[in-house]
């Protein structure tokens, strides 16, 4: 169960970081999400081996994400910003309301520096996550299709959760 929560958390974190760093590109992808939902029937028929590989790839991707999150947190802390303040500023930035945030000029400067450094980290992180997935024998496309099915289909979710629990034992 814990691995399943971590898998979901990793993907959610990856999306948040991607949307933070890529803004409109991630939003554009977010609006494209309904299209795969129409294909849900096609994505439900994953083999047991594919789902096992998905769980293993998710664990590897999670390790990469955790490492990158620690590095990103270090960047934020190096700029003397709290994680909460940085998050508040990122959310305001995404909503084009950054000027409405109560922050000192120093905090705005620190935010800009930290955000730029995090943006610069993203290609390397994305490459490492992709490599982690591919090393387990899945394409990123297949991984994303299984993740979408996991999020939308209770039957797929139950199978993946069961596999994750078995692999923890």
Protein backbone atom coordinates (compact mmCIF):
# COMPACT_ATOMS: atom_id res chain seq x y z
CA UNK A 1 0.00 0.00 0.00
CA UNK A 2 2.80 2.42 0.92
CA UNK A 3 4.53 1.87 -2.44
CA UNK A 4 1.27 2.63 -4.21
CA UNK A 5 0.96 5.91 -2.35
CA UNK A 6 4.55 6.73 -3.21
CA UNK A 7 3.96 5.91 -6.89
CA UNK A 8 0.97 8.24 -7.00
CA UNK A 9 2.87 10.87 -5.06
CA UNK A 10 5.83 10.67 -7.39
CA UNK A 11 3.71 11.17 -10.45
CA UNK A 12 1.80 14.00 -8.82
CA UNK A 13 5.05 15.64 -7.79
CA UNK A 14 6.45 15.19 -11.26
CA UNK A 15 3.38 16.87 -12.72
CA UNK A 16 3.57 19.75 -10.26
CA UNK A 17 7.26 20.26 -10.93
CA UNK A 18 6.72 20.01 -14.69
CA UNK A 19 3.85 22.46 -14.61
CA UNK A 20 5.91 24.73 -12.41
CA UNK A 21 8.80 24.63 -14.82
CA UNK A 22 7.03 24.45 -18.12
CA UNK A 23 3.87 26.39 -17.31
CA UNK A 24 1.81 26.65 -20.48
CA UNK A 25 3.24 23.48 -22.03
CA UNK A 26 2.09 21.42 -19.05
CA UNK A 27 -1.25 23.21 -19.07
CA UNK A 28 -1.67 22.42 -22.73
CA UNK A 29 -0.97 18.77 -21.99
CA UNK A 30 -3.47 18.93 -19.15
CA UNK A 31 -6.17 20.03 -21.56
CA UNK A 32 -5.30 17.12 -23.83
CA UNK A 33 -6.03 14.62 -21.03
CA UNK A 34 -9.67 13.96 -22.02
CA UNK A 35 -8.53 12.45 -25.30
CA UNK A 36 -6.83 9.45 -23.64
CA UNK A 37 -9.90 9.02 -21.43
CA UNK A 38 -11.83 8.14 -24.57
CA UNK A 39 -9.22 5.46 -25.20
CA UNK A 40 -9.60 4.04 -21.69
CA UNK A 41 -11.14 0.82 -22.99
CA UNK A 42 -7.98 0.19 -25.00
CA UNK A 43 -5.64 0.78 -22.06
CA UNK A 44 -7.32 -1.62 -19.63
CA UNK A 45 -5.86 -4.81 -21.05
CA UNK A 46 -2.34 -4.81 -19.66
CA UNK A 47 -0.69 -8.13 -18.94
CA UNK A 48 0.36 -9.13 -15.44
CA UNK A 49 4.00 -8.83 -16.57
CA UNK A 50 3.44 -5.30 -17.88
CA UNK A 51 1.87 -4.27 -14.60
CA UNK A 52 4.73 -5.83 -12.61
CA UNK A 53 7.20 -3.97 -14.80
CA UNK A 54 5.18 -0.78 -14.29
CA UNK A 55 5.44 -1.14 -10.49
CA UNK A 56 9.20 -1.73 -10.72
CA UNK A 57 9.66 1.20 -13.12
CA UNK A 58 7.56 3.40 -10.83
CA UNK A 59 9.81 2.54 -7.90
CA UNK A 60 12.91 3.45 -9.90
CA UNK A 61 11.31 6.66 -11.16
CA UNK A 62 10.30 7.47 -7.59
CA UNK A 63 13.92 7.14 -6.46
CA UNK A 64 15.02 9.58 -9.16
CA UNK A 65 12.21 11.97 -8.24
CA UNK A 66 13.05 11.84 -4.53
CA UNK A 67 16.68 12.64 -5.27
CA UNK A 68 15.71 15.53 -7.52
CA UNK A 69 13.21 16.82 -4.96
CA UNK A 70 15.96 16.89 -2.36
CA UNK A 71 18.17 18.81 -4.78
CA UNK A 72 15.36 21.25 -5.56
CA UNK A 73 14.66 21.76 -1.88
CA UNK A 74 18.35 22.47 -1.33
CA UNK A 75 18.21 25.11 -4.08
CA UNK A 76 15.20 26.74 -2.41
CA UNK A 77 16.82 26.65 1.02
CA UNK A 78 20.10 27.99 -0.38
CA UNK A 79 18.15 31.07 -1.43
CA UNK A 80 16.80 31.43 2.13
CA UNK A 81 13.20 30.71 1.14
CA UNK A 82 10.92 28.37 2.99
CA UNK A 83 9.34 25.63 0.95
CA UNK A 84 5.91 27.04 1.84
CA UNK A 85 6.83 30.52 0.60
CA UNK A 86 8.29 29.10 -2.60
CA UNK A 87 5.15 27.01 -3.17
CA UNK A 88 2.93 30.03 -2.55
CA UNK A 89 4.94 32.04 -5.06
CA UNK A 90 4.93 29.26 -7.66
CA UNK A 91 1.17 28.89 -7.42
CA UNK A 92 0.72 32.64 -7.73
CA UNK A 93 3.11 32.67 -10.69
CA UNK A 94 1.10 29.94 -12.42
CA UNK A 95 -2.06 32.00 -11.93
CA UNK A 96 -0.26 35.14 -13.12
CA UNK A 97 -0.79 36.70 -9.69
CA UNK A 98 2.79 36.78 -8.46
CA UNK A 99 2.60 40.54 -7.85
CA UNK A 100 -0.20 39.91 -5.34
CA UNK A 101 2.00 37.76 -3.09
CA UNK A 102 3.18 39.42 0.10
CA UNK A 103 6.93 39.11 -0.14
CA UNK A 104 9.98 41.26 0.33
CA UNK A 105 12.11 42.31 -2.65
CA UNK A 106 14.72 39.86 -1.36
CA UNK A 107 12.18 37.02 -1.39
CA UNK A 108 11.17 37.87 -4.97
CA UNK A 109 14.82 37.90 -6.02
CA UNK A 110 15.46 34.60 -4.23
CA UNK A 111 12.36 33.09 -5.81
CA UNK A 112 13.52 34.09 -9.29
CA UNK A 113 16.97 32.60 -8.74
CA UNK A 114 15.64 29.36 -7.25
CA UNK A 115 12.94 28.95 -9.92
CA UNK A 116 15.49 29.47 -12.70
CA UNK A 117 17.85 26.90 -11.20
CA UNK A 118 15.01 24.40 -10.86
CA UNK A 119 13.97 24.98 -14.48
CA UNK A 120 17.55 24.28 -15.52
CA UNK A 121 17.49 20.99 -13.57
CA UNK A 122 14.37 19.67 -15.31
CA UNK A 123 15.85 18.26 -18.55
CA UNK A 124 18.35 16.16 -16.58
CA UNK A 125 15.62 14.93 -14.21
CA UNK A 126 13.32 14.08 -17.11
CA UNK A 127 16.12 12.17 -18.82
CA UNK A 128 16.91 10.23 -15.63
CA UNK A 129 13.24 9.33 -15.08
CA UNK A 130 12.92 8.22 -18.70
CA UNK A 131 16.06 6.12 -18.40
CA UNK A 132 14.80 4.55 -15.15
CA UNK A 133 11.53 3.58 -16.86
CA UNK A 134 13.24 2.24 -19.97
CA UNK A 135 15.77 0.25 -17.93
CA UNK A 136 12.82 -1.75 -16.60
CA UNK A 137 11.73 -2.58 -20.14
CA UNK A 138 8.87 -0.11 -20.62
CA UNK A 139 8.63 2.75 -23.05
CA UNK A 140 7.64 6.06 -21.54
CA UNK A 141 4.48 5.95 -23.65
CA UNK A 142 3.48 2.55 -22.24
CA UNK A 143 4.31 3.73 -18.72
CA UNK A 144 2.09 6.79 -19.18
CA UNK A 145 -0.75 4.69 -20.60
CA UNK A 146 -0.59 2.33 -17.62
CA UNK A 147 -0.47 5.31 -15.24
CA UNK A 148 -3.52 6.80 -16.91
CA UNK A 149 -5.35 3.48 -16.64
CA UNK A 150 -4.25 3.24 -13.00
CA UNK A 151 -5.72 6.67 -12.28
CA UNK A 152 -8.98 6.06 -14.14
CA UNK A 153 -9.77 2.37 -13.84
CA UNK A 154 -10.41 0.82 -10.42
CA UNK A 155 -9.68 -2.67 -11.80
CA UNK A 156 -6.22 -1.64 -13.01
CA UNK A 157 -5.64 0.22 -9.77
CA UNK A 158 -6.53 -2.88 -7.74
CA UNK A 159 -4.18 -5.08 -9.79
CA UNK A 160 -1.29 -2.63 -9.49
CA UNK A 161 -1.88 -2.19 -5.75
CA UNK A 162 -1.88 -5.96 -5.27
CA UNK A 163 1.38 -6.33 -7.21
CA UNK A 164 2.97 -3.48 -5.25
CA UNK A 165 1.96 -5.10 -1.96
CA UNK A 166 3.36 -8.47 -3.10
CA UNK A 167 6.66 -6.89 -4.08
CA UNK A 168 6.99 -5.24 -0.68
CA UNK A 169 6.85 -8.59 1.08
